[in-house]
Amino acid sequence: MHCPFCKCEDTKVLDTRLLSEGKSTRRRRECLKCLKRFTTYEEYKFDFPVVVKKDGRREAFDREKLFRGIEKATQKLPVSASQLENIISNVEKQLREFSSNEVPSDFIGKVAMSHLKVLNPVAYVRFASVYKQFHSIDEFYRDLKNQKDLSENNFQQPKQLNN
């Protein structure tokens, strides 16, 4: 590691700490020539599959773009930043496990929607309305009705309390 002050290559590590659940490392270093101290961060770099858009274009996976979309869907809803981060992390985990060098954009959308459906139904509907590109109110209504029917079928009636 080159010293950022004098560009010397001789530095020593004074302290090492794992960050982000072991996904990155913080190192405190000292230059052996000028004796100035500085901090470096290391993290692994994972190449995600290329995203194939609906129109055939290919682009790199953009974590921030996904975050912005999910953030808009959850705007003014009781959803924490850590819950948003958890969804993004789960999508990234599934992308890392994807067996191809290319992934269809609809795979990413479906994974995000599956997490939003569990987290908050309103956020799911907001995200789905953009992602699914409904062409009519009828399409939108049918999707909402299907989601409502599914959630009602999975809803357990609370047990009656004895007086």
Protein backbone atom coordinates (compact mmCIF):
# COMPACT_ATOMS: atom_id res chain seq x y z
CA MET A 1 0.00 0.00 0.00
CA HIS A 2 1.43 3.39 -1.01
CA CYS A 3 1.43 6.17 1.57
CA PRO A 4 -1.01 8.90 0.39
CA PHE A 5 1.35 11.58 1.76
CA CYS A 6 4.86 10.66 0.56
CA LYS A 7 4.01 7.79 -1.86
CA CYS A 8 6.39 5.41 -0.06
CA GLU A 9 5.55 1.71 -0.47
CA ASP A 10 6.65 0.74 3.04
CA THR A 11 3.74 0.86 5.47
CA LYS A 12 2.79 -1.22 8.43
CA VAL A 13 -0.65 -2.23 9.67
CA LEU A 14 -1.39 -1.00 13.18
CA ASP A 15 -4.96 -2.24 13.56
CA THR A 16 -7.39 -4.42 11.56
CA ARG A 17 -11.15 -4.58 12.07
CA LEU A 18 -13.85 -6.48 10.22
CA LEU A 19 -16.87 -4.44 9.14
CA SER A 20 -20.27 -5.22 7.60
CA GLU A 21 -20.51 -8.73 8.98
CA GLY A 22 -17.06 -9.61 7.67
CA LYS A 23 -17.70 -8.30 4.16
CA SER A 24 -15.09 -5.55 4.45
CA THR A 25 -11.95 -4.79 6.43
CA ARG A 26 -10.72 -1.52 7.92
CA ARG A 27 -6.98 -1.19 8.41
CA ARG A 28 -5.15 1.56 10.25
CA ARG A 29 -1.69 1.98 8.72
CA GLU A 30 1.48 3.94 9.36
CA CYS A 31 4.06 4.97 6.78
CA LEU A 32 7.54 3.81 7.75
CA LYS A 33 9.15 6.79 6.00
CA CYS A 34 7.11 9.87 7.01
CA LEU A 35 5.40 8.21 10.04
CA LYS A 36 1.96 9.58 9.08
CA ARG A 37 -1.06 7.41 9.70
CA PHE A 38 -3.98 6.68 7.39
CA THR A 39 -6.91 4.30 7.08
CA THR A 40 -7.71 1.92 4.24
CA TYR A 41 -10.81 -0.17 3.55
CA GLU A 42 -10.90 -3.46 1.70
CA GLU A 43 -13.93 -5.28 0.41
CA TYR A 44 -14.49 -8.06 -2.03
CA LYS A 45 -15.71 -7.20 -5.47
CA PHE A 46 -18.34 -9.45 -6.96
CA ASP A 47 -19.27 -9.21 -10.61
CA PHE A 48 -23.02 -9.55 -10.90
CA PRO A 49 -24.57 -10.99 -14.05
CA VAL A 50 -25.37 -8.47 -16.80
CA VAL A 51 -29.01 -7.37 -16.70
CA VAL A 52 -30.95 -7.99 -19.93
CA LYS A 53 -33.71 -5.40 -20.26
CA LYS A 54 -37.12 -6.13 -21.82
CA ASP A 55 -36.10 -4.38 -25.05
CA GLY A 56 -32.93 -6.49 -25.34
CA ARG A 57 -30.46 -3.87 -24.07
CA ARG A 58 -27.83 -5.06 -21.64
CA GLU A 59 -26.52 -3.07 -18.70
CA ALA A 60 -24.62 -3.61 -15.48
CA PHE A 61 -26.63 -4.32 -12.34
CA ASP A 62 -27.16 -1.00 -10.55
CA ARG A 63 -27.79 -1.39 -6.83
CA GLU A 64 -28.71 2.28 -6.46
CA LYS A 65 -31.30 2.08 -9.24
CA LEU A 66 -33.02 -0.84 -7.50
CA PHE A 67 -32.79 0.98 -4.16
CA ARG A 68 -34.42 4.11 -5.63
CA GLY A 69 -37.29 2.06 -7.07
CA ILE A 70 -37.96 0.26 -3.81
CA GLU A 71 -37.54 3.49 -1.85
CA LYS A 72 -40.20 5.20 -4.00
CA ALA A 73 -42.56 2.26 -3.49
CA THR A 74 -42.16 2.48 0.29
CA GLN A 75 -42.31 6.27 0.53
CA LYS A 76 -44.44 7.47 3.47
CA LEU A 77 -44.96 3.90 4.66
CA PRO A 78 -43.75 2.42 7.96
CA VAL A 79 -40.70 0.77 6.38
CA SER A 80 -37.25 1.27 7.90
CA ALA A 81 -33.98 1.84 6.10
CA SER A 82 -32.71 -1.49 7.43
CA GLN A 83 -35.72 -3.27 5.90
CA LEU A 84 -34.95 -1.65 2.53
CA GLU A 85 -31.31 -2.67 2.85
CA ASN A 86 -32.40 -6.20 3.70
CA ILE A 87 -34.46 -6.45 0.49
CA ILE A 88 -31.55 -5.17 -1.62
CA SER A 89 -29.17 -7.61 0.09
CA ASN A 90 -31.54 -10.50 -0.60
CA VAL A 91 -31.82 -9.53 -4.28
CA GLU A 92 -28.02 -9.32 -4.53
CA LYS A 93 -27.68 -12.71 -2.83
CA GLN A 94 -29.99 -14.29 -5.38
CA LEU A 95 -28.08 -12.60 -8.21
CA ARG A 96 -24.80 -14.03 -6.90
CA GLU A 97 -26.40 -17.47 -6.94
CA PHE A 98 -27.75 -17.01 -10.48
CA SER A 99 -26.11 -19.59 -12.72
CA SER A 100 -25.71 -17.46 -15.85
CA ASN A 101 -23.64 -14.44 -16.87
CA GLU A 102 -26.88 -12.68 -17.84
CA VAL A 103 -30.07 -12.21 -15.85
CA PRO A 104 -33.41 -10.95 -17.19
CA SER A 105 -34.56 -7.71 -15.58
CA ASP A 106 -37.91 -9.32 -14.77
CA PHE A 107 -36.10 -11.81 -12.48
CA ILE A 108 -34.82 -8.89 -10.39
CA GLY A 109 -38.27 -7.29 -10.33
CA LYS A 110 -39.97 -10.52 -9.28
CA VAL A 111 -37.50 -11.11 -6.46
CA ALA A 112 -37.95 -7.53 -5.20
CA MET A 113 -41.75 -7.83 -5.44
CA SER A 114 -41.78 -11.10 -3.50
CA HIS A 115 -40.01 -9.37 -0.61
CA LEU A 116 -42.21 -6.27 -0.82
CA LYS A 117 -45.37 -8.39 -0.80
CA VAL A 118 -44.36 -9.82 2.58
CA LEU A 119 -43.10 -6.51 3.95
CA ASN A 120 -45.95 -4.18 2.98
CA PRO A 121 -48.82 -4.82 0.52
CA VAL A 122 -49.11 -1.14 -0.43
CA ALA A 123 -45.40 -1.00 -1.31
CA TYR A 124 -45.86 -4.16 -3.35
CA VAL A 125 -48.72 -2.60 -5.35
CA ARG A 126 -46.75 0.59 -5.95
CA PHE A 127 -43.69 -1.31 -7.14
CA ALA A 128 -45.76 -3.72 -9.25
CA SER A 129 -47.65 -0.88 -10.95
CA VAL A 130 -44.37 0.44 -12.35
CA TYR A 131 -42.63 -2.90 -12.88
CA LYS A 132 -45.52 -4.72 -14.58
CA GLN A 133 -46.36 -1.75 -16.85
CA PHE A 134 -50.12 -2.25 -16.79
CA HIS A 135 -51.77 -1.11 -20.04
CA SER A 136 -55.22 -0.65 -18.56
CA ILE A 137 -57.04 -0.19 -15.31
CA ASP A 138 -58.58 -3.64 -15.82
CA GLU A 139 -55.14 -5.30 -15.82
CA PHE A 140 -54.22 -3.41 -12.67
CA TYR A 141 -57.54 -4.34 -11.02
CA ARG A 142 -57.15 -8.05 -11.91
CA ASP A 143 -53.68 -8.12 -10.36
CA LEU A 144 -54.91 -6.38 -7.21
CA LYS A 145 -57.86 -8.77 -6.95
CA ASN A 146 -55.54 -11.78 -7.32
CA GLN A 147 -53.28 -10.43 -4.57
CA LYS A 148 -56.27 -9.73 -2.33
CA ASP A 149 -57.69 -13.22 -2.90
CA LEU A 150 -54.30 -14.79 -2.13
CA SER A 151 -53.88 -12.81 1.06
CA GLU A 152 -57.44 -13.57 2.22
CA ASN A 153 -56.90 -17.29 1.63
CA ASN A 154 -53.70 -17.17 3.67
CA PHE A 155 -55.24 -15.08 6.46
CA GLN A 156 -55.87 -16.97 9.69
CA GLN A 157 -58.86 -15.84 11.73
CA PRO A 158 -57.84 -14.91 15.28
CA LYS A 159 -59.06 -17.23 18.01
CA GLN A 160 -62.05 -16.05 20.01
CA LEU A 161 -61.22 -14.87 23.50
CA ASN A 162 -63.22 -16.35 26.37
CA ASN A 163 -65.09 -13.77 28.42
